[in-house]
Amino acid sequence: MQLPLTREALPEVQWLESSPSTNAAMRELVAERASMGVAAPHGLLLSTADQTAGRGRQGRGWDTPPGTALASTLLIRPSQIAAGLGLSWLPLLAGSAVVRALQPLFMNEDREARLRVGVKWPNDVHARNEDEAIAGKPGAKLCGILCEVLPTGEVAVGFGINMLLEDWQLPTERAGSVLACGGNVGGAMSITDPLGEVLADQVLSVACAELLSLVELAATQPERARTRVLRDSLTLGAEVRVHLPGGEIVDGRAVGLGDDGALIVDRPTTGQLVVSAADVEHLR
């Protein structure tokens, strides 16, 4: 796949005809180059429209029919962000980058948003309509993000975007795709057809260039990067149910983000809870 816009924006792009996991492929590629004394470049991208053994947080699977989704991994060097907000913000920054890439696909002719694309804490990108916003719901999930620190120290930022799945192909009621949610896919029937390649190039070039820009911003002007994340959040201000790793369930209102990107939940009677890792459910 040619991907001219993406190749212009990044130092290296590899399109994989098929891959079990782009994160795993990135791990292997970086290790192979390190064994030869060659450093993989900050901003290296691996991408495919046929990922056969993808996974999300907590080892959950992520499988889609070939040609319907973009599975990608962008390589980030920690030194590019650690001095500012810190590595724990990478999933949120990646979410904001994907928002920038997908929101234009949901604009009408008057450049008004038919659906709002935003980030559900900590690492999912959703699209929701006005009724869902009023109800405090995040809407349909379009993208999941998985960041992994590699043995060599770099971070593999994986993101899988459901692009062309039909309604009947969606795995759960909460899942969505750009096509199923009414986004403008430019007539593409598959990522690998000519129109699909144009669509993929548009989305990848914006998402990756935006993430590199946000990583730089997080290192040099962290408050500006933080403000961007806050603006793109669908979770802040919502009534939420937090499913903690130990099995405890806590209800409250999401009111802010901590210095490390943790979610701050205001409980009705027992004060605030700082959540670093959990599944968060939006309530009415």
C-alpha atoms as a PDB file:
ATOM      1  CA  MET A   1       0.000   0.000   0.000  1.00  0.00           C
ATOM      2  CA  GLN A   2       1.437   3.362  -1.040  1.00  0.00           C
ATOM      3  CA  LEU A   3       0.108   5.685   1.732  1.00  0.00           C
ATOM      4  CA  PRO A   4       1.832   8.814   0.339  1.00  0.00           C
ATOM      5  CA  LEU A   5       0.576  11.248   3.000  1.00  0.00           C
ATOM      6  CA  THR A   6       1.567   8.926   5.821  1.00  0.00           C
ATOM      7  CA  ARG A   7       5.013   8.283   4.370  1.00  0.00           C
ATOM      8  CA  GLU A   8       5.560  12.006   3.989  1.00  0.00           C
ATOM      9  CA  ALA A   9       4.642  12.591   7.655  1.00  0.00           C
ATOM     10  CA  LEU A  10       6.734   9.813   9.220  1.00  0.00           C
ATOM     11  CA  PRO A  11      10.370   8.659   9.044  1.00  0.00           C
ATOM     12  CA  GLU A  12       9.454   5.056   8.164  1.00  0.00           C
ATOM     13  CA  VAL A  13       6.212   3.256   7.302  1.00  0.00           C
ATOM     14  CA  GLN A  14       5.770  -0.474   6.800  1.00  0.00           C
ATOM     15  CA  TRP A  15       2.472  -1.813   5.485  1.00  0.00           C
ATOM     16  CA  LEU A  16       1.958  -5.458   6.442  1.00  0.00           C
ATOM     17  CA  GLU A  17      -0.289  -7.604   4.257  1.00  0.00           C
ATOM     18  CA  SER A  18      -1.176  -9.557   7.404  1.00  0.00           C
ATOM     19  CA  SER A  19       0.067  -9.695  10.979  1.00  0.00           C
ATOM     20  CA  PRO A  20      -0.944 -11.533  14.146  1.00  0.00           C
ATOM     21  CA  SER A  21      -0.278  -8.317  16.107  1.00  0.00           C
ATOM     22  CA  THR A  22       1.334  -5.047  15.041  1.00  0.00           C
ATOM     23  CA  ASN A  23       2.569  -4.508  18.622  1.00  0.00           C
ATOM     24  CA  ALA A  24       4.268  -7.908  18.567  1.00  0.00           C
ATOM     25  CA  ALA A  25       5.672  -7.203  15.101  1.00  0.00           C
ATOM     26  CA  MET A  26       7.059  -3.890  16.358  1.00  0.00           C
ATOM     27  CA  ARG A  27       8.671  -5.629  19.336  1.00  0.00           C
ATOM     28  CA  GLU A  28      10.382  -8.111  17.026  1.00  0.00           C
ATOM     29  CA  LEU A  29      11.497  -5.451  14.536  1.00  0.00           C
ATOM     30  CA  VAL A  30      12.962  -3.175  17.213  1.00  0.00           C
ATOM     31  CA  ALA A  31      14.787  -6.100  18.861  1.00  0.00           C
ATOM     32  CA  GLU A  32      16.173  -7.274  15.523  1.00  0.00           C
ATOM     33  CA  ARG A  33      17.547  -3.852  14.700  1.00  0.00           C
ATOM     34  CA  ALA A  34      18.948  -3.396  18.201  1.00  0.00           C
ATOM     35  CA  SER A  35      20.845  -6.701  17.810  1.00  0.00           C
ATOM     36  CA  MET A  36      22.497  -5.186  14.737  1.00  0.00           C
ATOM     37  CA  GLY A  37      23.306  -1.947  16.561  1.00  0.00           C
ATOM     38  CA  VAL A  38      20.656   0.019  14.685  1.00  0.00           C
ATOM     39  CA  ALA A  39      18.038   2.094  16.494  1.00  0.00           C
ATOM     40  CA  ALA A  40      14.528   2.051  15.070  1.00  0.00           C
ATOM     41  CA  PRO A  41      13.386   5.646  14.471  1.00  0.00           C
ATOM     42  CA  HIS A  42      11.002   7.568  16.694  1.00  0.00           C
ATOM     43  CA  GLY A  43       7.797   7.624  14.638  1.00  0.00           C
ATOM     44  CA  LEU A  44       8.239   4.242  12.914  1.00  0.00           C
ATOM     45  CA  LEU A  45       4.804   2.917  11.898  1.00  0.00           C
ATOM     46  CA  LEU A  46       3.622  -0.628  11.255  1.00  0.00           C
ATOM     47  CA  SER A  47       0.080  -1.001   9.944  1.00  0.00           C
ATOM     48  CA  THR A  48      -2.203  -3.643   8.461  1.00  0.00           C
ATOM     49  CA  ALA A  49      -5.814  -4.233   7.513  1.00  0.00           C
ATOM     50  CA  ASP A  50      -5.568  -7.910   8.470  1.00  0.00           C
ATOM     51  CA  GLN A  51      -4.575  -8.450  12.099  1.00  0.00           C
ATOM     52  CA  THR A  52      -5.277 -12.030  13.092  1.00  0.00           C
ATOM     53  CA  ALA A  53      -4.514 -12.140  16.831  1.00  0.00           C
ATOM     54  CA  GLY A  54      -4.966  -8.619  18.132  1.00  0.00           C
ATOM     55  CA  ARG A  55      -5.536  -7.903  21.787  1.00  0.00           C
ATOM     56  CA  GLY A  56      -6.573  -5.053  24.034  1.00  0.00           C
ATOM     57  CA  ARG A  57      -6.261  -4.268  27.707  1.00  0.00           C
ATOM     58  CA  GLN A  58      -6.134  -7.171  30.156  1.00  0.00           C
ATOM     59  CA  GLY A  59      -5.449  -9.622  27.312  1.00  0.00           C
ATOM     60  CA  ARG A  60      -8.843  -9.225  25.649  1.00  0.00           C
ATOM     61  CA  GLY A  61      -8.992 -10.271  22.014  1.00  0.00           C
ATOM     62  CA  TRP A  62      -9.636  -7.901  19.117  1.00  0.00           C
ATOM     63  CA  ASP A  63     -10.540  -9.634  15.868  1.00  0.00           C
ATOM     64  CA  THR A  64     -12.066  -8.097  12.747  1.00  0.00           C
ATOM     65  CA  PRO A  65     -12.672  -9.373   9.211  1.00  0.00           C
ATOM     66  CA  PRO A  66      -9.809  -8.534   6.805  1.00  0.00           C
ATOM     67  CA  GLY A  67     -10.107  -5.143   5.151  1.00  0.00           C
ATOM     68  CA  THR A  68     -12.528  -3.657   7.680  1.00  0.00           C
ATOM     69  CA  ALA A  69     -10.190  -2.180  10.314  1.00  0.00           C
ATOM     70  CA  LEU A  70      -6.817  -0.497  10.648  1.00  0.00           C
ATOM     71  CA  ALA A  71      -4.428  -2.074  13.158  1.00  0.00           C
ATOM     72  CA  SER A  72      -1.345   0.085  13.671  1.00  0.00           C
ATOM     73  CA  THR A  73       1.589   0.582  16.013  1.00  0.00           C
ATOM     74  CA  LEU A  74       3.676   3.747  16.269  1.00  0.00           C
ATOM     75  CA  LEU A  75       7.073   3.703  17.990  1.00  0.00           C
ATOM     76  CA  ILE A  76       7.654   6.404  20.606  1.00  0.00           C
ATOM     77  CA  ARG A  77      10.890   7.125  22.455  1.00  0.00           C
ATOM     78  CA  PRO A  78      10.258   7.814  26.162  1.00  0.00           C
ATOM     79  CA  SER A  79      12.766  10.675  26.198  1.00  0.00           C
ATOM     80  CA  GLN A  80      10.365  12.555  23.959  1.00  0.00           C
ATOM     81  CA  ILE A  81       7.717  12.727  26.693  1.00  0.00           C
ATOM     82  CA  ALA A  82       9.117  11.655  30.075  1.00  0.00           C
ATOM     83  CA  ALA A  83      10.383  15.146  30.946  1.00  0.00           C
ATOM     84  CA  GLY A  84       6.879  16.572  30.634  1.00  0.00           C
ATOM     85  CA  LEU A  85       3.604  14.830  31.418  1.00  0.00           C
ATOM     86  CA  GLY A  86       5.142  11.373  31.636  1.00  0.00           C
ATOM     87  CA  LEU A  87       4.608   8.030  29.929  1.00  0.00           C
ATOM     88  CA  SER A  88       1.331   7.326  31.735  1.00  0.00           C
ATOM     89  CA  TRP A  89      -0.317   9.991  29.546  1.00  0.00           C
ATOM     90  CA  LEU A  90       0.522   8.219  26.280  1.00  0.00           C
ATOM     91  CA  PRO A  91      -2.805   6.329  25.942  1.00  0.00           C
ATOM     92  CA  LEU A  92      -4.717   9.587  26.468  1.00  0.00           C
ATOM     93  CA  LEU A  93      -2.514  11.501  24.031  1.00  0.00           C
ATOM     94  CA  ALA A  94      -2.951   8.712  21.484  1.00  0.00           C
ATOM     95  CA  GLY A  95      -6.696   8.910  21.989  1.00  0.00           C
ATOM     96  CA  SER A  96      -6.667  12.630  21.272  1.00  0.00           C
ATOM     97  CA  ALA A  97      -4.610  12.026  18.135  1.00  0.00           C
ATOM     98  CA  VAL A  98      -7.137   9.484  16.849  1.00  0.00           C
ATOM     99  CA  VAL A  99      -9.956  11.924  17.667  1.00  0.00           C
ATOM    100  CA  ARG A 100      -8.301  14.504  15.420  1.00  0.00           C
ATOM    101  CA  ALA A 101      -8.130  11.947  12.606  1.00  0.00           C
ATOM    102  CA  LEU A 102     -11.708  10.639  12.897  1.00  0.00           C
ATOM    103  CA  GLN A 103     -13.757  13.735  13.763  1.00  0.00           C
ATOM    104  CA  PRO A 104     -13.631  15.118  10.174  1.00  0.00           C
ATOM    105  CA  LEU A 105     -15.350  11.938   8.969  1.00  0.00           C
ATOM    106  CA  PHE A 106     -18.422  12.906  11.026  1.00  0.00           C
ATOM    107  CA  MET A 107     -18.841  16.514   9.853  1.00  0.00           C
ATOM    108  CA  ASN A 108     -21.788  17.634   7.748  1.00  0.00           C
ATOM    109  CA  GLU A 109     -21.672  19.985   4.746  1.00  0.00           C
ATOM    110  CA  ASP A 110     -21.797  23.000   7.080  1.00  0.00           C
ATOM    111  CA  ARG A 111     -18.743  21.683   8.970  1.00  0.00           C
ATOM    112  CA  GLU A 112     -20.854  20.882  12.003  1.00  0.00           C
ATOM    113  CA  ALA A 113     -20.275  17.640  13.894  1.00  0.00           C
ATOM    114  CA  ARG A 114     -23.059  15.085  13.389  1.00  0.00           C
ATOM    115  CA  LEU A 115     -21.429  12.954  16.080  1.00  0.00           C
ATOM    116  CA  ARG A 116     -18.799  13.982  18.597  1.00  0.00           C
ATOM    117  CA  VAL A 117     -15.686  11.841  18.646  1.00  0.00           C
ATOM    118  CA  GLY A 118     -13.887  11.753  21.996  1.00  0.00           C
ATOM    119  CA  VAL A 119     -11.904   9.675  24.470  1.00  0.00           C
ATOM    120  CA  LYS A 120     -13.418   7.373  27.082  1.00  0.00           C
ATOM    121  CA  TRP A 121     -10.872   7.060  29.880  1.00  0.00           C
ATOM    122  CA  PRO A 122      -8.356   5.575  29.737  1.00  0.00           C
ATOM    123  CA  ASN A 123      -7.772   4.345  26.192  1.00  0.00           C
ATOM    124  CA  ASP A 124     -10.851   4.092  23.959  1.00  0.00           C
ATOM    125  CA  VAL A 125     -12.167   6.429  21.273  1.00  0.00           C
ATOM    126  CA  HIS A 126     -15.942   6.663  20.898  1.00  0.00           C
ATOM    127  CA  ALA A 127     -18.465   8.532  18.763  1.00  0.00           C
ATOM    128  CA  ARG A 128     -21.710   9.681  20.367  1.00  0.00           C
ATOM    129  CA  ASN A 129     -24.814  11.592  19.361  1.00  0.00           C
ATOM    130  CA  GLU A 130     -26.576  14.353  21.277  1.00  0.00           C
ATOM    131  CA  ASP A 131     -28.999  12.009  23.035  1.00  0.00           C
ATOM    132  CA  GLU A 132     -26.113   9.864  24.276  1.00  0.00           C
ATOM    133  CA  ALA A 133     -24.285  12.968  25.455  1.00  0.00           C
ATOM    134  CA  ILE A 134     -27.327  14.130  27.435  1.00  0.00           C
ATOM    135  CA  ALA A 135     -27.605  10.663  28.973  1.00  0.00           C
ATOM    136  CA  GLY A 136     -23.913  10.685  29.909  1.00  0.00           C
ATOM    137  CA  LYS A 137     -23.162   7.742  27.628  1.00  0.00           C
ATOM    138  CA  PRO A 138     -19.886   7.498  25.663  1.00  0.00           C
ATOM    139  CA  GLY A 139     -21.512   6.198  22.469  1.00  0.00           C
ATOM    140  CA  ALA A 140     -20.061   3.544  20.165  1.00  0.00           C
ATOM    141  CA  LYS A 141     -16.444   2.446  20.476  1.00  0.00           C
ATOM    142  CA  LEU A 142     -14.437   3.087  17.314  1.00  0.00           C
ATOM    143  CA  CYS A 143     -10.890   2.528  18.522  1.00  0.00           C
ATOM    144  CA  GLY A 144      -8.936   0.845  21.285  1.00  0.00           C
ATOM    145  CA  ILE A 145      -5.396   1.788  22.292  1.00  0.00           C
ATOM    146  CA  LEU A 146      -2.726  -0.411  23.861  1.00  0.00           C
ATOM    147  CA  CYS A 147       0.667   1.005  24.885  1.00  0.00           C
ATOM    148  CA  GLU A 148       3.499  -1.394  25.694  1.00  0.00           C
ATOM    149  CA  VAL A 149       7.006  -0.607  26.915  1.00  0.00           C
ATOM    150  CA  LEU A 150       9.452  -2.702  24.880  1.00  0.00           C
ATOM    151  CA  PRO A 151      12.518  -4.448  26.348  1.00  0.00           C
ATOM    152  CA  THR A 152      14.682  -1.898  24.537  1.00  0.00           C
ATOM    153  CA  GLY A 153      12.902   0.971  26.331  1.00  0.00           C
ATOM    154  CA  GLU A 154      10.802   2.392  23.515  1.00  0.00           C
ATOM    155  CA  VAL A 155       7.012   2.382  23.699  1.00  0.00           C
ATOM    156  CA  ALA A 156       4.817   0.656  21.124  1.00  0.00           C
ATOM    157  CA  VAL A 157       1.598   2.641  20.844  1.00  0.00           C
ATOM    158  CA  GLY A 158      -0.933   0.301  19.275  1.00  0.00           C
ATOM    159  CA  PHE A 159      -4.301   1.491  18.036  1.00  0.00           C
ATOM    160  CA  GLY A 160      -7.014  -0.436  16.253  1.00  0.00           C
ATOM    161  CA  ILE A 161      -9.698   1.539  14.423  1.00  0.00           C
ATOM    162  CA  ASN A 162     -12.929  -0.089  13.264  1.00  0.00           C
ATOM    163  CA  MET A 163     -13.408   1.520   9.871  1.00  0.00           C
ATOM    164  CA  LEU A 164     -15.693  -0.446   7.555  1.00  0.00           C
ATOM    165  CA  LEU A 165     -17.515  -3.016   9.685  1.00  0.00           C
ATOM    166  CA  GLU A 166     -21.226  -3.286   8.928  1.00  0.00           C
ATOM    167  CA  ASP A 167     -23.755  -3.229  11.778  1.00  0.00           C
ATOM    168  CA  TRP A 168     -24.150  -7.017  11.679  1.00  0.00           C
ATOM    169  CA  GLN A 169     -20.371  -7.505  11.978  1.00  0.00           C
ATOM    170  CA  LEU A 170     -19.997  -5.566  15.229  1.00  0.00           C
ATOM    171  CA  PRO A 171     -19.049  -7.910  18.081  1.00  0.00           C
ATOM    172  CA  THR A 172     -21.001  -6.180  20.893  1.00  0.00           C
ATOM    173  CA  GLU A 173     -23.743  -3.610  21.372  1.00  0.00           C
ATOM    174  CA  ARG A 174     -21.166  -1.069  22.522  1.00  0.00           C
ATOM    175  CA  ALA A 175     -18.927  -1.556  19.495  1.00  0.00           C
ATOM    176  CA  GLY A 176     -19.092   0.685  16.456  1.00  0.00           C
ATOM    177  CA  SER A 177     -17.256   1.535  13.281  1.00  0.00           C
ATOM    178  CA  VAL A 178     -16.872   4.659  11.192  1.00  0.00           C
ATOM    179  CA  LEU A 179     -19.177   3.140   8.564  1.00  0.00           C
ATOM    180  CA  ALA A 180     -21.794   1.805  10.995  1.00  0.00           C
ATOM    181  CA  CYS A 181     -21.944   5.164  12.790  1.00  0.00           C
ATOM    182  CA  GLY A 182     -22.574   7.024   9.540  1.00  0.00           C
ATOM    183  CA  GLY A 183     -19.110   8.424   8.976  1.00  0.00           C
ATOM    184  CA  ASN A 184     -17.921   9.478   5.532  1.00  0.00           C
ATOM    185  CA  VAL A 185     -15.778   6.623   4.231  1.00  0.00           C
ATOM    186  CA  GLY A 186     -15.566   8.019   0.705  1.00  0.00           C
ATOM    187  CA  GLY A 187     -17.247   5.039  -0.922  1.00  0.00           C
ATOM    188  CA  ALA A 188     -14.634   2.565   0.330  1.00  0.00           C
ATOM    189  CA  MET A 189     -15.738  -1.068   0.503  1.00  0.00           C
ATOM    190  CA  SER A 190     -12.454  -2.405   1.876  1.00  0.00           C
ATOM    191  CA  ILE A 191      -9.297  -0.826   3.280  1.00  0.00           C
ATOM    192  CA  THR A 192      -7.352  -2.515   0.504  1.00  0.00           C
ATOM    193  CA  ASP A 193      -9.376  -1.182  -2.435  1.00  0.00           C
ATOM    194  CA  PRO A 194      -8.302   2.141  -4.045  1.00  0.00           C
ATOM    195  CA  LEU A 195     -10.847   4.240  -2.151  1.00  0.00           C
ATOM    196  CA  GLY A 196     -10.021   2.401   1.047  1.00  0.00           C
ATOM    197  CA  GLU A 197      -6.340   3.164   0.586  1.00  0.00           C
ATOM    198  CA  VAL A 198      -7.151   6.873   0.304  1.00  0.00           C
ATOM    199  CA  LEU A 199      -9.233   6.651   3.476  1.00  0.00           C
ATOM    200  CA  ALA A 200      -6.530   4.732   5.351  1.00  0.00           C
ATOM    201  CA  ASP A 201      -3.865   7.206   4.245  1.00  0.00           C
ATOM    202  CA  GLN A 202      -5.979  10.132   5.419  1.00  0.00           C
ATOM    203  CA  VAL A 203      -6.638   8.618   8.844  1.00  0.00           C
ATOM    204  CA  LEU A 204      -3.126   7.272   9.473  1.00  0.00           C
ATOM    205  CA  SER A 205      -1.324  10.410   8.360  1.00  0.00           C
ATOM    206  CA  VAL A 206      -3.374  12.658  10.630  1.00  0.00           C
ATOM    207  CA  ALA A 207      -3.421  10.320  13.643  1.00  0.00           C
ATOM    208  CA  CYS A 208       0.321   9.612  13.578  1.00  0.00           C
ATOM    209  CA  ALA A 209       1.459  13.156  12.839  1.00  0.00           C
ATOM    210  CA  GLU A 210      -0.867  14.422  15.568  1.00  0.00           C
ATOM    211  CA  LEU A 211       0.457  11.933  18.123  1.00  0.00           C
ATOM    212  CA  LEU A 212       4.062  12.907  17.394  1.00  0.00           C
ATOM    213  CA  SER A 213       3.060  16.558  17.763  1.00  0.00           C
ATOM    214  CA  LEU A 214       1.256  15.903  21.053  1.00  0.00           C
ATOM    215  CA  VAL A 215       4.205  13.922  22.414  1.00  0.00           C
ATOM    216  CA  GLU A 216       6.474  16.877  21.678  1.00  0.00           C
ATOM    217  CA  LEU A 217       3.940  19.235  23.234  1.00  0.00           C
ATOM    218  CA  ALA A 218       3.720  17.031  26.337  1.00  0.00           C
ATOM    219  CA  ALA A 219       7.481  17.304  26.760  1.00  0.00           C
ATOM    220  CA  THR A 220       7.815  21.041  26.139  1.00  0.00           C
ATOM    221  CA  GLN A 221       4.447  22.544  27.115  1.00  0.00           C
ATOM    222  CA  PRO A 222       2.762  19.908  29.281  1.00  0.00           C
ATOM    223  CA  GLU A 223      -0.147  22.097  30.366  1.00  0.00           C
ATOM    224  CA  ARG A 224      -1.174  22.659  26.753  1.00  0.00           C
ATOM    225  CA  ALA A 225      -1.082  18.908  26.108  1.00  0.00           C
ATOM    226  CA  ARG A 226      -3.071  18.299  29.285  1.00  0.00           C
ATOM    227  CA  THR A 227      -5.685  20.850  28.210  1.00  0.00           C
ATOM    228  CA  ARG A 228      -6.063  19.056  24.897  1.00  0.00           C
ATOM    229  CA  VAL A 229      -6.660  15.727  26.648  1.00  0.00           C
ATOM    230  CA  LEU A 230      -9.231  17.308  28.964  1.00  0.00           C
ATOM    231  CA  ARG A 231     -11.042  18.855  26.009  1.00  0.00           C
ATOM    232  CA  ASP A 232     -11.297  15.528  24.196  1.00  0.00           C
ATOM    233  CA  SER A 233     -12.536  13.551  27.216  1.00  0.00           C
ATOM    234  CA  LEU A 234     -16.020  12.041  27.149  1.00  0.00           C
ATOM    235  CA  THR A 235     -15.620  10.711  30.694  1.00  0.00           C
ATOM    236  CA  LEU A 236     -15.005  13.887  32.683  1.00  0.00           C
ATOM    237  CA  GLY A 237     -18.267  15.146  34.164  1.00  0.00           C
ATOM    238  CA  ALA A 238     -20.011  11.794  33.676  1.00  0.00           C
ATOM    239  CA  GLU A 239     -21.497   9.560  36.342  1.00  0.00           C
ATOM    240  CA  VAL A 240     -19.357   6.439  36.281  1.00  0.00           C
ATOM    241  CA  ARG A 241     -19.090   2.967  37.749  1.00  0.00           C
ATOM    242  CA  VAL A 242     -15.494   1.948  38.360  1.00  0.00           C
ATOM    243  CA  HIS A 243     -14.653  -1.759  38.296  1.00  0.00           C
ATOM    244  CA  LEU A 244     -11.407  -1.941  40.273  1.00  0.00           C
ATOM    245  CA  PRO A 245      -8.857  -4.742  39.648  1.00  0.00           C
ATOM    246  CA  GLY A 246      -9.611  -6.421  42.974  1.00  0.00           C
ATOM    247  CA  GLY A 247     -13.312  -6.740  42.160  1.00  0.00           C
ATOM    248  CA  GLU A 248     -14.547  -3.699  44.140  1.00  0.00           C
ATOM    249  CA  ILE A 249     -17.137  -1.543  42.345  1.00  0.00           C
ATOM    250  CA  VAL A 250     -17.366   2.180  43.040  1.00  0.00           C
ATOM    251  CA  ASP A 251     -19.926   4.685  41.732  1.00  0.00           C
ATOM    252  CA  GLY A 252     -19.306   8.410  41.506  1.00  0.00           C
ATOM    253  CA  ARG A 253     -18.722  11.372  39.199  1.00  0.00           C
ATOM    254  CA  ALA A 254     -15.534  11.702  37.152  1.00  0.00           C
ATOM    255  CA  VAL A 255     -14.246  15.173  38.012  1.00  0.00           C
ATOM    256  CA  GLY A 256     -10.643  15.388  36.833  1.00  0.00           C
ATOM    257  CA  LEU A 257      -7.292  13.854  35.982  1.00  0.00           C
ATOM    258  CA  GLY A 258      -4.339  13.515  38.337  1.00  0.00           C
ATOM    259  CA  ASP A 259      -0.758  14.475  37.558  1.00  0.00           C
ATOM    260  CA  ASP A 260      -0.188  11.008  36.109  1.00  0.00           C
ATOM    261  CA  GLY A 261      -3.423  10.937  34.097  1.00  0.00           C
ATOM    262  CA  ALA A 262      -5.297   8.918  36.716  1.00  0.00           C
ATOM    263  CA  LEU A 263      -9.056   9.444  36.839  1.00  0.00           C
ATOM    264  CA  ILE A 264     -10.357  11.335  39.876  1.00  0.00           C
ATOM    265  CA  VAL A 265     -13.827  10.135  40.917  1.00  0.00           C
ATOM    266  CA  ASP A 266     -15.911  12.080  43.433  1.00  0.00           C
ATOM    267  CA  ARG A 267     -17.885   9.615  45.567  1.00  0.00           C
ATOM    268  CA  PRO A 268     -21.141  10.853  47.162  1.00  0.00           C
ATOM    269  CA  THR A 269     -20.244  10.074  50.767  1.00  0.00           C
ATOM    270  CA  THR A 270     -16.661   8.855  51.043  1.00  0.00           C
ATOM    271  CA  GLY A 271     -14.643  11.496  49.209  1.00  0.00           C
ATOM    272  CA  GLN A 272     -12.519  11.254  46.118  1.00  0.00           C
ATOM    273  CA  LEU A 273     -11.046   8.097  44.621  1.00  0.00           C
ATOM    274  CA  VAL A 274      -7.960   8.224  42.393  1.00  0.00           C
ATOM    275  CA  VAL A 275      -8.164   5.491  39.758  1.00  0.00           C
ATOM    276  CA  SER A 276      -4.970   4.500  37.948  1.00  0.00           C
ATOM    277  CA  ALA A 277      -6.171   1.233  36.397  1.00  0.00           C
ATOM    278  CA  ALA A 278      -9.768   0.019  36.088  1.00  0.00           C
ATOM    279  CA  ASP A 279     -12.664  -0.557  33.734  1.00  0.00           C
ATOM    280  CA  VAL A 280     -14.944   2.473  33.754  1.00  0.00           C
ATOM    281  CA  GLU A 281     -18.618   2.257  32.841  1.00  0.00           C
ATOM    282  CA  HIS A 282     -20.628   5.394  32.072  1.00  0.00           C
ATOM    283  CA  LEU A 283     -23.969   5.575  33.908  1.00  0.00           C
ATOM    284  CA  ARG A 284     -27.102   7.567  33.226  1.00  0.00           C
END
